Protein backbone atom coordinates (compact mmCIF):
# COMPACT_ATOMS: atom_id res chain seq x y z
CA MET A 1 -34.26 -4.34 -56.87
CA ALA A 2 -32.14 -6.38 -54.46
CA THR A 3 -33.72 -7.09 -51.10
CA ASN A 4 -31.69 -8.37 -48.17
CA GLU A 5 -32.40 -9.36 -44.61
CA LEU A 6 -30.54 -7.91 -41.66
CA GLU A 7 -30.37 -9.85 -38.45
CA THR A 8 -28.56 -8.38 -35.48
CA GLU A 9 -28.72 -7.98 -31.72
CA LEU A 10 -29.14 -4.50 -30.29
CA PHE A 11 -29.25 -3.84 -26.55
CA GLY A 12 -29.75 -7.54 -25.87
CA ARG A 13 -32.71 -7.86 -28.25
CA ASN A 14 -32.81 -9.54 -31.62
CA ALA A 15 -33.71 -7.34 -34.56
CA ARG A 16 -34.53 -8.69 -37.97
CA PHE A 17 -35.90 -6.89 -41.01
CA ASN A 18 -35.82 -6.76 -44.80
CA TYR A 19 -34.38 -3.81 -46.65
CA SER A 20 -33.72 -2.72 -50.21
CA ALA A 21 -29.98 -2.75 -50.86
CA THR A 22 -30.50 -0.42 -53.82
CA TRP A 23 -32.24 2.25 -51.74
CA VAL A 24 -29.74 1.89 -48.91
CA GLY A 25 -26.99 2.52 -51.46
CA TYR A 26 -28.70 5.65 -52.81
CA SER A 27 -29.40 6.86 -49.28
CA LEU A 28 -25.80 6.41 -48.15
CA LEU A 29 -24.46 8.12 -51.25
CA GLY A 30 -26.86 11.04 -50.81
CA LEU A 31 -26.12 11.40 -47.10
CA ARG A 32 -22.36 11.23 -47.72
CA LEU A 33 -22.49 13.90 -50.44
CA ILE A 34 -24.79 16.24 -48.51
CA MET A 35 -22.82 15.91 -45.28
CA GLY A 36 -19.60 16.32 -47.26
CA TRP A 37 -20.84 19.51 -48.91
CA THR A 38 -22.12 20.89 -45.59
CA LEU A 39 -18.73 20.43 -43.91
CA PHE A 40 -16.68 21.45 -46.95
CA TYR A 41 -18.62 24.69 -47.43
CA ALA A 42 -18.44 25.53 -43.71
CA GLY A 43 -14.68 25.00 -43.79
CA ILE A 44 -13.70 26.56 -47.11
CA THR A 45 -15.50 29.81 -46.28
CA LYS A 46 -13.33 30.01 -43.16
CA VAL A 47 -10.13 29.09 -45.02
CA LEU A 48 -10.74 31.75 -47.68
CA ASP A 49 -11.61 34.52 -45.19
CA PRO A 50 -8.36 35.87 -43.71
CA SER A 51 -10.26 37.72 -40.99
CA TRP A 52 -12.12 34.63 -39.72
CA SER A 53 -11.32 33.37 -36.24
CA ALA A 54 -13.12 31.19 -33.73
CA LYS A 55 -11.97 33.52 -30.95
CA GLY A 56 -15.08 35.70 -31.01
CA PHE A 57 -17.35 32.67 -30.77
CA LEU A 58 -15.31 31.05 -28.02
CA LEU A 59 -15.28 34.23 -25.93
CA ASN A 60 -18.74 35.63 -26.62
CA ALA A 61 -21.17 33.00 -27.94
CA ILE A 62 -20.82 30.14 -25.46
CA PRO A 63 -24.07 29.91 -23.47
CA GLU A 64 -23.96 31.02 -19.87
CA GLY A 65 -23.71 28.02 -17.60
CA ASN A 66 -21.69 25.95 -20.09
CA PRO A 67 -19.90 23.29 -18.02
CA PHE A 68 -16.74 23.74 -20.10
CA GLY A 69 -16.69 27.55 -20.10
CA GLY A 70 -13.11 27.72 -18.86
CA VAL A 71 -11.91 25.33 -21.57
CA TRP A 72 -13.34 27.50 -24.35
CA ALA A 73 -11.83 30.67 -22.86
CA THR A 74 -8.43 28.97 -22.60
CA MET A 75 -8.69 27.81 -26.20
CA ALA A 76 -9.56 31.34 -27.33
CA ASN A 77 -6.82 33.05 -25.36
CA ASP A 78 -3.93 30.58 -25.43
CA TYR A 79 -4.49 28.14 -28.30
CA ILE A 80 -6.33 30.07 -31.02
CA TRP A 81 -3.21 29.70 -33.21
CA LEU A 82 -4.02 25.96 -33.26
CA ILE A 83 -7.82 26.03 -33.00
CA ASP A 84 -8.42 28.25 -36.05
CA PRO A 85 -6.54 26.12 -38.61
CA LEU A 86 -7.77 22.84 -37.07
CA ASN A 87 -11.34 24.06 -37.32
CA ALA A 88 -11.19 25.60 -40.80
CA TRP A 89 -9.02 22.94 -42.44
CA GLY A 90 -10.62 20.09 -40.50
CA LEU A 91 -14.08 20.98 -41.81
CA THR A 92 -12.73 21.52 -45.32
CA LEU A 93 -10.76 18.28 -45.54
CA VAL A 94 -13.38 16.09 -43.87
CA GLY A 95 -15.99 17.51 -46.23
CA LEU A 96 -13.79 16.98 -49.28
CA ALA A 97 -13.00 13.41 -48.22
CA LEU A 98 -16.70 12.66 -47.87
CA ILE A 99 -17.51 14.18 -51.25
CA LEU A 100 -14.76 12.15 -52.92
CA GLY A 101 -15.50 9.04 -50.88
CA ALA A 102 -11.86 8.81 -49.80
CA PHE A 103 -10.77 7.69 -46.34
CA VAL A 104 -14.39 7.96 -45.24
CA ARG A 105 -14.07 6.04 -41.97
CA PHE A 106 -11.07 8.12 -40.86
CA SER A 107 -12.71 11.36 -41.96
CA ALA A 108 -16.11 10.52 -40.50
CA PHE A 109 -14.48 9.78 -37.15
CA TRP A 110 -12.75 13.17 -37.03
CA GLY A 111 -15.86 14.93 -38.32
CA ALA A 112 -17.86 13.34 -35.50
CA VAL A 113 -15.22 14.46 -32.98
CA MET A 114 -15.56 18.04 -34.27
CA MET A 115 -19.35 17.82 -33.99
CA LEU A 116 -19.07 16.62 -30.39
CA PHE A 117 -16.87 19.64 -29.59
CA TYR A 118 -19.44 21.96 -31.20
CA TRP A 119 -22.19 20.22 -29.24
CA ALA A 120 -20.27 20.66 -25.98
CA ALA A 121 -19.81 24.36 -26.79
CA SER A 122 -23.60 24.68 -27.21
CA LEU A 123 -24.44 23.44 -23.71
CA PRO A 124 -26.82 24.07 -22.10
CA LEU A 125 -28.95 23.69 -25.19
CA ALA A 126 -31.51 26.39 -25.86
CA HIS A 127 -33.81 24.02 -27.77
CA GLY A 128 -33.67 20.48 -26.50
CA ILE A 129 -32.34 18.65 -23.53
CA VAL A 130 -29.50 16.65 -25.08
CA ILE A 131 -29.97 16.51 -28.84
CA ASP A 132 -29.18 19.27 -31.31
CA ASP A 133 -27.98 19.40 -34.91
CA HIS A 134 -24.38 18.68 -33.90
CA MET A 135 -25.37 15.40 -32.28
CA VAL A 136 -27.41 14.47 -35.36
CA TYR A 137 -24.39 15.22 -37.58
CA ALA A 138 -22.08 13.19 -35.29
CA LEU A 139 -24.36 10.15 -35.48
CA LEU A 140 -24.81 10.55 -39.22
CA LEU A 141 -21.02 10.60 -39.64
CA PHE A 142 -20.74 7.53 -37.42
CA GLY A 143 -23.26 5.76 -39.65
CA LEU A 144 -21.44 6.70 -42.85
CA GLY A 145 -18.23 5.26 -41.43
CA ALA A 146 -19.95 2.15 -40.06
CA PHE A 147 -21.49 1.38 -43.45
CA GLY A 148 -18.29 2.09 -45.36
CA ALA A 149 -20.08 4.67 -47.50
CA GLY A 150 -16.88 5.60 -49.36
CA ARG A 151 -17.15 2.38 -51.33
CA ILE A 152 -20.37 3.59 -52.96
CA LEU A 153 -19.23 5.55 -56.03
CA GLY A 154 -16.25 6.74 -54.02
CA LEU A 155 -12.49 6.50 -54.20
CA ASP A 156 -12.29 4.09 -51.25
CA ALA A 157 -13.39 1.24 -53.52
CA TYR A 158 -10.28 1.87 -55.65
CA ILE A 159 -7.91 2.67 -52.79
CA GLU A 160 -8.73 -0.67 -51.14
CA ASP A 161 -7.42 -2.44 -54.26
CA LEU A 162 -3.99 -0.79 -54.05
CA ASP A 163 -1.05 -3.08 -53.30
CA LEU A 164 -0.18 -1.05 -50.19
CA VAL A 165 -3.61 -1.67 -48.67
CA GLN A 166 -3.51 -5.33 -49.68
CA GLU A 167 -0.09 -5.66 -48.03
CA TYR A 168 -1.24 -3.87 -44.83
CA PRO A 169 -4.88 -4.89 -44.27
CA PRO A 170 -5.31 -2.71 -41.13
CA LEU A 171 -5.29 0.30 -43.50
CA GLN A 172 -8.78 -0.81 -44.56
CA TYR A 173 -10.06 0.51 -41.23
CA LEU A 174 -9.37 4.05 -42.50
CA LEU A 175 -11.26 3.42 -45.71
CA GLY A 176 -14.82 2.57 -46.54
């Protein structure tokens, strides 16, 4: 089992520790697949249900005292034509990308953005001061992108070898 040492600086303090590269690989793969399935399932059930709409949630389920209450009402009344497909297809495609390990950094970024919107819609939180499941998901997605988890038994490892990506190295920032 391969063991590596990580040395970094966080918040002005040095951090150094040993870790098992094998177990980190399994952990990242498992987290990517589970997060991918969670988002894919949440999205595909919306895509396949012609009666689904976020309008009811946006108008009736936002907690009283939400600092963005007017934003959600405007979305529900004036922009639901855009919000519904962005929500349903966004969840579906981000989840599918994570499952396949394709464009993981790009997908994880947009998945985290969605989670931050869901978190903002949950304010004030009923259970917790700042942290809820949406924030946990957002940080998990950030971590998957930061580690380049799509390279672990994912399509990103193959996509990075394509001539197009080799010719335009900045495309690698979408992969991983």
